[in-house]
Amino acid sequence: MKPVYNKEEKVWQGPSRSSIYNSNLSVGHLVLESLLEAPNKIIQISADSGSEMSCLEMRNRIIKIAKYLTSSCGLKQQDFVGIVAKNSENVAPVAFA
């Protein structure tokens, strides 16, 4: 939705968003919404390879990994998962997923 100007109230209005101060939201929801705030900003730079990842790339990887874990591995909410991994640019997206 594009911003719309209400002449009577003299107010600009953009798309409505849920408040981040909601006790019913999960940390995952908050992370995914926060990554949309500045999709083109660099959120991670790998010390090993120098590769950069934008907020949008991080968000997309988190979603893809989460979908894989639920569909292919059969994981569901409240399952516990351990991570053993060599340092790479994919550790953060896996941890958030």
PDB file of N, CA and C in Angstrom:
ATOM      1  N   MET A   1       0.840  -1.182   0.000  1.00  0.00           N
ATOM      2  CA  MET A   1       0.000   0.000   0.000  1.00  0.00           C
ATOM      3  C   MET A   1       0.888   1.248   0.000  1.00  0.00           C
ATOM      4  N   LYS A   2       0.586   2.166  -0.884  1.00  0.00           N
ATOM      5  CA  LYS A   2       1.318   3.415  -0.943  1.00  0.00           C
ATOM      6  C   LYS A   2       0.764   4.371   0.118  1.00  0.00           C
ATOM      7  N   PRO A   3       1.583   5.295   0.600  1.00  0.00           N
ATOM      8  CA  PRO A   3       1.079   6.283   1.557  1.00  0.00           C
ATOM      9  C   PRO A   3      -0.078   7.080   0.961  1.00  0.00           C
ATOM     10  N   VAL A   4      -1.066   7.383   1.800  1.00  0.00           N
ATOM     11  CA  VAL A   4      -2.262   8.107   1.373  1.00  0.00           C
ATOM     12  C   VAL A   4      -2.429   9.318   2.282  1.00  0.00           C
ATOM     13  N   TYR A   5      -2.792  10.463   1.697  1.00  0.00           N
ATOM     14  CA  TYR A   5      -2.999  11.673   2.486  1.00  0.00           C
ATOM     15  C   TYR A   5      -4.484  11.873   2.715  1.00  0.00           C
ATOM     16  N   ASN A   6      -4.884  12.022   3.977  1.00  0.00           N
ATOM     17  CA  ASN A   6      -6.264  12.299   4.354  1.00  0.00           C
ATOM     18  C   ASN A   6      -6.395  13.805   4.525  1.00  0.00           C
ATOM     19  N   LYS A   7      -7.100  14.473   3.594  1.00  0.00           N
ATOM     20  CA  LYS A   7      -7.210  15.934   3.609  1.00  0.00           C
ATOM     21  C   LYS A   7      -7.995  16.435   4.819  1.00  0.00           C
ATOM     22  N   GLU A   8      -9.013  15.699   5.242  1.00  0.00           N
ATOM     23  CA  GLU A   8      -9.830  16.134   6.374  1.00  0.00           C
ATOM     24  C   GLU A   8      -9.039  16.114   7.685  1.00  0.00           C
ATOM     25  N   GLU A   9      -8.319  15.041   7.925  1.00  0.00           N
ATOM     26  CA  GLU A   9      -7.552  14.909   9.159  1.00  0.00           C
ATOM     27  C   GLU A   9      -6.140  15.472   9.033  1.00  0.00           C
ATOM     28  N   LYS A  10      -5.740  15.799   7.797  1.00  0.00           N
ATOM     29  CA  LYS A  10      -4.399  16.310   7.511  1.00  0.00           C
ATOM     30  C   LYS A  10      -3.321  15.360   8.032  1.00  0.00           C
ATOM     31  N   VAL A  11      -3.476  14.084   7.639  1.00  0.00           N
ATOM     32  CA  VAL A  11      -2.572  13.037   8.116  1.00  0.00           C
ATOM     33  C   VAL A  11      -2.188  12.128   6.950  1.00  0.00           C
ATOM     34  N   TRP A  12      -0.890  11.798   6.891  1.00  0.00           N
ATOM     35  CA  TRP A  12      -0.425  10.782   5.955  1.00  0.00           C
ATOM     36  C   TRP A  12      -0.555   9.431   6.622  1.00  0.00           C
ATOM     37  N   GLN A  13      -0.983   8.428   5.869  1.00  0.00           N
ATOM     38  CA  GLN A  13      -1.111   7.087   6.429  1.00  0.00           C
ATOM     39  C   GLN A  13      -0.502   6.072   5.474  1.00  0.00           C
ATOM     40  N   GLY A  14       0.341   5.217   6.039  1.00  0.00           N
ATOM     41  CA  GLY A  14       0.952   4.145   5.271  1.00  0.00           C
ATOM     42  C   GLY A  14       0.306   2.826   5.654  1.00  0.00           C
ATOM     43  N   PRO A  15       0.926   1.725   5.251  1.00  0.00           N
ATOM     44  CA  PRO A  15       0.370   0.420   5.590  1.00  0.00           C
ATOM     45  C   PRO A  15       0.379   0.202   7.106  1.00  0.00           C
ATOM     46  N   SER A  16      -0.659  -0.419   7.609  1.00  0.00           N
ATOM     47  CA  SER A  16      -0.722  -0.688   9.048  1.00  0.00           C
ATOM     48  C   SER A  16       0.192  -1.857   9.387  1.00  0.00           C
ATOM     49  N   ARG A  17       0.805  -1.774  10.570  1.00  0.00           N
ATOM     50  CA  ARG A  17       1.725  -2.813  11.023  1.00  0.00           C
ATOM     51  C   ARG A  17       1.390  -3.149  12.462  1.00  0.00           C
ATOM     52  N   SER A  18       1.659  -4.375  12.842  1.00  0.00           N
ATOM     53  CA  SER A  18       1.434  -4.758  14.227  1.00  0.00           C
ATOM     54  C   SER A  18       2.511  -4.146  15.104  1.00  0.00           C
ATOM     55  N   SER A  19       2.148  -3.819  16.319  1.00  0.00           N
ATOM     56  CA  SER A  19       3.088  -3.224  17.253  1.00  0.00           C
ATOM     57  C   SER A  19       4.124  -4.259  17.683  1.00  0.00           C
ATOM     58  N   ILE A  20       5.379  -3.817  17.841  1.00  0.00           N
ATOM     59  CA  ILE A  20       6.401  -4.740  18.317  1.00  0.00           C
ATOM     60  C   ILE A  20       6.308  -4.919  19.828  1.00  0.00           C
ATOM     61  N   TYR A  21       5.497  -4.091  20.483  1.00  0.00           N
ATOM     62  CA  TYR A  21       5.318  -4.194  21.929  1.00  0.00           C
ATOM     63  C   TYR A  21       4.070  -5.013  22.234  1.00  0.00           C
ATOM     64  N   ASN A  22       4.068  -6.229  21.748  1.00  0.00           N
ATOM     65  CA  ASN A  22       2.926  -7.117  21.903  1.00  0.00           C
ATOM     66  C   ASN A  22       3.435  -8.411  22.530  1.00  0.00           C
ATOM     67  N   SER A  23       2.945  -8.719  23.714  1.00  0.00           N
ATOM     68  CA  SER A  23       3.439  -9.905  24.425  1.00  0.00           C
ATOM     69  C   SER A  23       3.061 -11.212  23.733  1.00  0.00           C
ATOM     70  N   ASN A  24       2.178 -11.159  22.750  1.00  0.00           N
ATOM     71  CA  ASN A  24       1.784 -12.367  22.028  1.00  0.00           C
ATOM     72  C   ASN A  24       2.696 -12.680  20.841  1.00  0.00           C
ATOM     73  N   LEU A  25       3.616 -11.766  20.518  1.00  0.00           N
ATOM     74  CA  LEU A  25       4.516 -11.992  19.388  1.00  0.00           C
ATOM     75  C   LEU A  25       5.727 -12.801  19.824  1.00  0.00           C
ATOM     76  N   SER A  26       6.206 -13.647  18.937  1.00  0.00           N
ATOM     77  CA  SER A  26       7.403 -14.437  19.222  1.00  0.00           C
ATOM     78  C   SER A  26       8.651 -13.641  18.850  1.00  0.00           C
ATOM     79  N   VAL A  27       9.782 -14.097  19.337  1.00  0.00           N
ATOM     80  CA  VAL A  27      11.053 -13.467  18.990  1.00  0.00           C
ATOM     81  C   VAL A  27      11.288 -13.586  17.487  1.00  0.00           C
ATOM     82  N   GLY A  28      10.917 -14.729  16.927  1.00  0.00           N
ATOM     83  CA  GLY A  28      11.085 -14.930  15.489  1.00  0.00           C
ATOM     84  C   GLY A  28      10.320 -13.912  14.672  1.00  0.00           C
ATOM     85  N   HIS A  29       9.084 -13.637  15.092  1.00  0.00           N
ATOM     86  CA  HIS A  29       8.262 -12.650  14.387  1.00  0.00           C
ATOM     87  C   HIS A  29       8.923 -11.273  14.473  1.00  0.00           C
ATOM     88  N   LEU A  30       9.414 -10.935  15.649  1.00  0.00           N
ATOM     89  CA  LEU A  30      10.076  -9.649  15.849  1.00  0.00           C
ATOM     90  C   LEU A  30      11.330  -9.530  14.978  1.00  0.00           C
ATOM     91  N   VAL A  31      12.122 -10.595  14.912  1.00  0.00           N
ATOM     92  CA  VAL A  31      13.337 -10.583  14.088  1.00  0.00           C
ATOM     93  C   VAL A  31      12.973 -10.398  12.615  1.00  0.00           C
ATOM     94  N   LEU A  32      12.011 -11.167  12.127  1.00  0.00           N
ATOM     95  CA  LEU A  32      11.638 -11.077  10.713  1.00  0.00           C
ATOM     96  C   LEU A  32      11.079  -9.703  10.365  1.00  0.00           C
ATOM     97  N   GLU A  33      10.263  -9.134  11.237  1.00  0.00           N
ATOM     98  CA  GLU A  33       9.710  -7.799  10.988  1.00  0.00           C
ATOM     99  C   GLU A  33      10.809  -6.742  11.035  1.00  0.00           C
ATOM    100  N   SER A  34      11.746  -6.873  11.968  1.00  0.00           N
ATOM    101  CA  SER A  34      12.838  -5.906  12.095  1.00  0.00           C
ATOM    102  C   SER A  34      13.735  -5.917  10.857  1.00  0.00           C
ATOM    103  N   LEU A  35      13.933  -7.080  10.273  1.00  0.00           N
ATOM    104  CA  LEU A  35      14.768  -7.180   9.078  1.00  0.00           C
ATOM    105  C   LEU A  35      14.141  -6.479   7.879  1.00  0.00           C
ATOM    106  N   LEU A  36      12.828  -6.293   7.907  1.00  0.00           N
ATOM    107  CA  LEU A  36      12.147  -5.594   6.814  1.00  0.00           C
ATOM    108  C   LEU A  36      12.269  -4.078   6.929  1.00  0.00           C
ATOM    109  N   GLU A  37      12.678  -3.591   8.103  1.00  0.00           N
ATOM    110  CA  GLU A  37      12.786  -2.146   8.311  1.00  0.00           C
ATOM    111  C   GLU A  37      13.792  -1.504   7.351  1.00  0.00           C
ATOM    112  N   ALA A  38      14.894  -2.168   7.126  1.00  0.00           N
ATOM    113  CA  ALA A  38      15.937  -1.630   6.238  1.00  0.00           C
ATOM    114  C   ALA A  38      16.498  -2.783   5.409  1.00  0.00           C
ATOM    115  N   PRO A  39      15.746  -3.256   4.430  1.00  0.00           N
ATOM    116  CA  PRO A  39      16.121  -4.482   3.705  1.00  0.00           C
ATOM    117  C   PRO A  39      17.460  -4.424   2.987  1.00  0.00           C
ATOM    118  N   ASN A  40      17.909  -3.256   2.602  1.00  0.00           N
ATOM    119  CA  ASN A  40      19.158  -3.159   1.837  1.00  0.00           C
ATOM    120  C   ASN A  40      20.390  -2.918   2.702  1.00  0.00           C
ATOM    121  N   LYS A  41      20.202  -2.694   3.993  1.00  0.00           N
ATOM    122  CA  LYS A  41      21.351  -2.477   4.874  1.00  0.00           C
ATOM    123  C   LYS A  41      22.096  -3.783   5.096  1.00  0.00           C
ATOM    124  N   ILE A  42      23.402  -3.677   5.251  1.00  0.00           N
ATOM    125  CA  ILE A  42      24.237  -4.851   5.510  1.00  0.00           C
ATOM    126  C   ILE A  42      24.124  -5.190   6.989  1.00  0.00           C
ATOM    127  N   ILE A  43      23.731  -6.428   7.283  1.00  0.00           N
ATOM    128  CA  ILE A  43      23.571  -6.850   8.672  1.00  0.00           C
ATOM    129  C   ILE A  43      24.723  -7.731   9.124  1.00  0.00           C
ATOM    130  N   GLN A  44      25.421  -8.329   8.171  1.00  0.00           N
ATOM    131  CA  GLN A  44      26.494  -9.252   8.545  1.00  0.00           C
ATOM    132  C   GLN A  44      27.625  -9.195   7.525  1.00  0.00           C
ATOM    133  N   ILE A  45      28.846  -9.157   8.039  1.00  0.00           N
ATOM    134  CA  ILE A  45      30.038  -9.250   7.193  1.00  0.00           C
ATOM    135  C   ILE A  45      30.863 -10.400   7.749  1.00  0.00           C
ATOM    136  N   SER A  46      31.148 -11.381   6.916  1.00  0.00           N
ATOM    137  CA  SER A  46      31.919 -12.540   7.344  1.00  0.00           C
ATOM    138  C   SER A  46      33.384 -12.162   7.534  1.00  0.00           C
ATOM    139  N   ALA A  47      33.913 -12.441   8.720  1.00  0.00           N
ATOM    140  CA  ALA A  47      35.325 -12.163   8.997  1.00  0.00           C
ATOM    141  C   ALA A  47      36.228 -13.108   8.200  1.00  0.00           C
ATOM    142  N   ASP A  48      35.717 -14.290   7.877  1.00  0.00           N
ATOM    143  CA  ASP A  48      36.518 -15.280   7.151  1.00  0.00           C
ATOM    144  C   ASP A  48      36.597 -15.001   5.653  1.00  0.00           C
ATOM    145  N   SER A  49      35.442 -14.766   5.038  1.00  0.00           N
ATOM    146  CA  SER A  49      35.410 -14.610   3.581  1.00  0.00           C
ATOM    147  C   SER A  49      35.219 -13.171   3.122  1.00  0.00           C
ATOM    148  N   GLY A  50      34.761 -12.297   4.020  1.00  0.00           N
ATOM    149  CA  GLY A  50      34.485 -10.908   3.642  1.00  0.00           C
ATOM    150  C   GLY A  50      33.152 -10.731   2.947  1.00  0.00           C
ATOM    151  N   SER A  51      32.382 -11.822   2.819  1.00  0.00           N
ATOM    152  CA  SER A  51      31.089 -11.709   2.150  1.00  0.00           C
ATOM    153  C   SER A  51      30.111 -10.927   3.023  1.00  0.00           C
ATOM    154  N   GLU A  52      29.232 -10.176   2.374  1.00  0.00           N
ATOM    155  CA  GLU A  52      28.250  -9.355   3.070  1.00  0.00           C
ATOM    156  C   GLU A  52      26.851  -9.905   2.845  1.00  0.00           C
ATOM    157  N   MET A  53      25.983  -9.691   3.856  1.00  0.00           N
ATOM    158  CA  MET A  53      24.599 -10.129   3.748  1.00  0.00           C
ATOM    159  C   MET A  53      23.689  -8.975   4.159  1.00  0.00           C
ATOM    160  N   SER A  54      22.711  -8.681   3.304  1.00  0.00           N
ATOM    161  CA  SER A  54      21.752  -7.625   3.615  1.00  0.00           C
ATOM    162  C   SER A  54      20.665  -8.180   4.538  1.00  0.00           C
ATOM    163  N   CYS A  55      19.896  -7.286   5.095  1.00  0.00           N
ATOM    164  CA  CYS A  55      18.790  -7.694   5.968  1.00  0.00           C
ATOM    165  C   CYS A  55      17.795  -8.570   5.207  1.00  0.00           C
ATOM    166  N   LEU A  56      17.518  -8.206   3.951  1.00  0.00           N
ATOM    167  CA  LEU A  56      16.573  -8.986   3.156  1.00  0.00           C
ATOM    168  C   LEU A  56      17.109 -10.381   2.863  1.00  0.00           C
ATOM    169  N   GLU A  57      18.402 -10.481   2.548  1.00  0.00           N
ATOM    170  CA  GLU A  57      19.009 -11.797   2.318  1.00  0.00           C
ATOM    171  C   GLU A  57      18.946 -12.654   3.586  1.00  0.00           C
ATOM    172  N   MET A  58      19.246 -12.038   4.733  1.00  0.00           N
ATOM    173  CA  MET A  58      19.188 -12.753   6.008  1.00  0.00           C
ATOM    174  C   MET A  58      17.771 -13.251   6.258  1.00  0.00           C
ATOM    175  N   ARG A  59      16.787 -12.386   6.038  1.00  0.00           N
ATOM    176  CA  ARG A  59      15.382 -12.757   6.254  1.00  0.00           C
ATOM    177  C   ARG A  59      14.985 -13.917   5.338  1.00  0.00           C
ATOM    178  N   ASN A  60      15.360 -13.833   4.069  1.00  0.00           N
ATOM    179  CA  ASN A  60      15.013 -14.898   3.118  1.00  0.00           C
ATOM    180  C   ASN A  60      15.655 -16.229   3.501  1.00  0.00           C
ATOM    181  N   ARG A  61      16.899 -16.189   3.956  1.00  0.00           N
ATOM    182  CA  ARG A  61      17.575 -17.429   4.373  1.00  0.00           C
ATOM    183  C   ARG A  61      16.914 -18.018   5.616  1.00  0.00           C
ATOM    184  N   ILE A  62      16.562 -17.171   6.572  1.00  0.00           N
ATOM    185  CA  ILE A  62      15.888 -17.650   7.788  1.00  0.00           C
ATOM    186  C   ILE A  62      14.592 -18.375   7.423  1.00  0.00           C
ATOM    187  N   ILE A  63      13.810 -17.767   6.545  1.00  0.00           N
ATOM    188  CA  ILE A  63      12.522 -18.363   6.147  1.00  0.00           C
ATOM    189  C   ILE A  63      12.737 -19.683   5.410  1.00  0.00           C
ATOM    190  N   LYS A  64      13.693 -19.718   4.469  1.00  0.00           N
ATOM    191  CA  LYS A  64      13.964 -20.958   3.717  1.00  0.00           C
ATOM    192  C   LYS A  64      14.423 -22.079   4.646  1.00  0.00           C
ATOM    193  N   ILE A  65      15.303 -21.754   5.582  1.00  0.00           N
ATOM    194  CA  ILE A  65      15.805 -22.771   6.511  1.00  0.00           C
ATOM    195  C   ILE A  65      14.685 -23.263   7.419  1.00  0.00           C
ATOM    196  N   ALA A  66      13.863 -22.336   7.927  1.00  0.00           N
ATOM    197  CA  ALA A  66      12.750 -22.722   8.794  1.00  0.00           C
ATOM    198  C   ALA A  66      11.769 -23.626   8.049  1.00  0.00           C
ATOM    199  N   LYS A  67      11.484 -23.298   6.800  1.00  0.00           N
ATOM    200  CA  LYS A  67      10.584 -24.137   5.994  1.00  0.00           C
ATOM    201  C   LYS A  67      11.187 -25.526   5.789  1.00  0.00           C
ATOM    202  N   TYR A  68      12.483 -25.574   5.535  1.00  0.00           N
ATOM    203  CA  TYR A  68      13.149 -26.863   5.365  1.00  0.00           C
ATOM    204  C   TYR A  68      13.084 -27.681   6.653  1.00  0.00           C
ATOM    205  N   LEU A  69      13.371 -27.041   7.781  1.00  0.00           N
ATOM    206  CA  LEU A  69      13.367 -27.761   9.063  1.00  0.00           C
ATOM    207  C   LEU A  69      11.982 -28.314   9.403  1.00  0.00           C
ATOM    208  N   THR A  70      10.936 -27.591   9.044  1.00  0.00           N
ATOM    209  CA  THR A  70       9.581 -28.069   9.355  1.00  0.00           C
ATOM    210  C   THR A  70       9.087 -29.097   8.341  1.00  0.00           C
ATOM    211  N   SER A  71       9.355 -28.864   7.049  1.00  0.00           N
ATOM    212  CA  SER A  71       8.810 -29.785   6.045  1.00  0.00           C
ATOM    213  C   SER A  71       9.657 -31.040   5.865  1.00  0.00           C
ATOM    214  N   SER A  72      10.949 -30.893   5.738  1.00  0.00           N
ATOM    215  CA  SER A  72      11.812 -32.046   5.462  1.00  0.00           C
ATOM    216  C   SER A  72      12.274 -32.779   6.712  1.00  0.00           C
ATOM    217  N   CYS A  73      12.485 -32.042   7.793  1.00  0.00           N
ATOM    218  CA  CYS A  73      12.999 -32.667   9.021  1.00  0.00           C
ATOM    219  C   CYS A  73      11.900 -32.970  10.032  1.00  0.00           C
ATOM    220  N   GLY A  74      10.701 -32.467   9.771  1.00  0.00           N
ATOM    221  CA  GLY A  74       9.573 -32.752  10.654  1.00  0.00           C
ATOM    222  C   GLY A  74       9.592 -32.012  11.980  1.00  0.00           C
ATOM    223  N   LEU A  75      10.413 -30.983  12.108  1.00  0.00           N
ATOM    224  CA  LEU A  75      10.449 -30.234  13.363  1.00  0.00           C
ATOM    225  C   LEU A  75       9.199 -29.371  13.497  1.00  0.00           C
ATOM    226  N   LYS A  76       8.823 -29.093  14.722  1.00  0.00           N
ATOM    227  CA  LYS A  76       7.673 -28.230  14.984  1.00  0.00           C
ATOM    228  C   LYS A  76       8.002 -27.306  16.141  1.00  0.00           C
ATOM    229  N   GLN A  77       7.119 -26.330  16.376  1.00  0.00           N
ATOM    230  CA  GLN A  77       7.342 -25.390  17.472  1.00  0.00           C
ATOM    231  C   GLN A  77       7.570 -26.150  18.770  1.00  0.00           C
ATOM    232  N   GLN A  78       8.453 -25.624  19.581  1.00  0.00           N
ATOM    233  CA  GLN A  78       8.813 -26.137  20.893  1.00  0.00           C
ATOM    234  C   GLN A  78       9.745 -27.342  20.846  1.00  0.00           C
ATOM    235  N   ASP A  79      10.189 -27.774  19.658  1.00  0.00           N
ATOM    236  CA  ASP A  79      11.237 -28.784  19.572  1.00  0.00           C
ATOM    237  C   ASP A  79      12.572 -28.114  19.873  1.00  0.00           C
ATOM    238  N   PHE A  80      13.467 -28.840  20.517  1.00  0.00           N
ATOM    239  CA  PHE A  80      14.798 -28.326  20.806  1.00  0.00           C
ATOM    240  C   PHE A  80      15.762 -28.804  19.739  1.00  0.00           C
ATOM    241  N   VAL A  81      16.643 -27.902  19.305  1.00  0.00           N
ATOM    242  CA  VAL A  81      17.608 -28.229  18.262  1.00  0.00           C
ATOM    243  C   VAL A  81      18.975 -27.699  18.687  1.00  0.00           C
ATOM    244  N   GLY A  82      19.993 -28.519  18.514  1.00  0.00           N
ATOM    245  CA  GLY A  82      21.364 -28.082  18.769  1.00  0.00           C
ATOM    246  C   GLY A  82      22.066 -27.811  17.456  1.00  0.00           C
ATOM    247  N   ILE A  83      23.015 -26.887  17.488  1.00  0.00           N
ATOM    248  CA  ILE A  83      23.759 -26.549  16.275  1.00  0.00           C
ATOM    249  C   ILE A  83      25.240 -26.810  16.519  1.00  0.00           C
ATOM    250  N   VAL A  84      25.841 -27.614  15.650  1.00  0.00           N
ATOM    251  CA  VAL A  84      27.282 -27.819  15.646  1.00  0.00           C
ATOM    252  C   VAL A  84      27.727 -27.441  14.242  1.00  0.00           C
ATOM    253  N   ALA A  85      28.458 -26.328  14.147  1.00  0.00           N
ATOM    254  CA  ALA A  85      28.800 -25.843  12.814  1.00  0.00           C
ATOM    255  C   ALA A  85      30.113 -25.077  12.829  1.00  0.00           C
ATOM    256  N   LYS A  86      30.821 -25.178  11.731  1.00  0.00           N
ATOM    257  CA  LYS A  86      31.998 -24.345  11.506  1.00  0.00           C
ATOM    258  C   LYS A  86      31.496 -22.927  11.228  1.00  0.00           C
ATOM    259  N   ASN A  87      32.247 -21.925  11.625  1.00  0.00           N
ATOM    260  CA  ASN A  87      31.831 -20.552  11.412  1.00  0.00           C
ATOM    261  C   ASN A  87      31.641 -20.271   9.920  1.00  0.00           C
ATOM    262  N   SER A  88      30.479 -19.731   9.575  1.00  0.00           N
ATOM    263  CA  SER A  88      30.209 -19.318   8.205  1.00  0.00           C
ATOM    264  C   SER A  88      29.091 -18.287   8.248  1.00  0.00           C
ATOM    265  N   GLU A  89      28.797 -17.717   7.079  1.00  0.00           N
ATOM    266  CA  GLU A  89      27.734 -16.723   7.014  1.00  0.00           C
ATOM    267  C   GLU A  89      26.343 -17.329   7.214  1.00  0.00           C
ATOM    268  N   ASN A  90      26.247 -18.658   7.233  1.00  0.00           N
ATOM    269  CA  ASN A  90      24.947 -19.308   7.408  1.00  0.00           C
ATOM    270  C   ASN A  90      24.608 -19.675   8.842  1.00  0.00           C
ATOM    271  N   VAL A  91      25.526 -19.473   9.768  1.00  0.00           N
ATOM    272  CA  VAL A  91      25.258 -19.843  11.165  1.00  0.00           C
ATOM    273  C   VAL A  91      24.129 -18.988  11.754  1.00  0.00           C
ATOM    274  N   ALA A  92      24.179 -17.680  11.535  1.00  0.00           N
ATOM    275  CA  ALA A  92      23.139 -16.799  12.088  1.00  0.00           C
ATOM    276  C   ALA A  92      21.751 -17.131  11.535  1.00  0.00           C
ATOM    277  N   PRO A  93      21.578 -17.266  10.212  1.00  0.00           N
ATOM    278  CA  PRO A  93      20.252 -17.617   9.706  1.00  0.00           C
ATOM    279  C   PRO A  93      19.734 -18.954  10.259  1.00  0.00           C
ATOM    280  N   VAL A  94      20.634 -19.922  10.426  1.00  0.00           N
ATOM    281  CA  VAL A  94      20.213 -21.215  10.989  1.00  0.00           C
ATOM    282  C   VAL A  94      19.768 -21.046  12.435  1.00  0.00           C
ATOM    283  N   ALA A  95      20.526 -20.272  13.209  1.00  0.00           N
ATOM    284  CA  ALA A  95      20.182 -20.056  14.609  1.00  0.00           C
ATOM    285  C   ALA A  95      18.839 -19.350  14.746  1.00  0.00           C
ATOM    286  N   PHE A  96      18.582 -18.350  13.909  1.00  0.00           N
ATOM    287  CA  PHE A  96      17.296 -17.645  13.973  1.00  0.00           C
ATOM    288  C   PHE A  96      16.152 -18.504  13.472  1.00  0.00           C
ATOM    289  N   ALA A  97      16.413 -19.359  12.482  1.00  0.00           N
ATOM    290  CA  ALA A  97      15.356 -20.221  11.930  1.00  0.00           C
ATOM    291  C   ALA A  97      14.889 -21.184  12.994  1.00  0.00           C
TER     292      ALA A  97
END
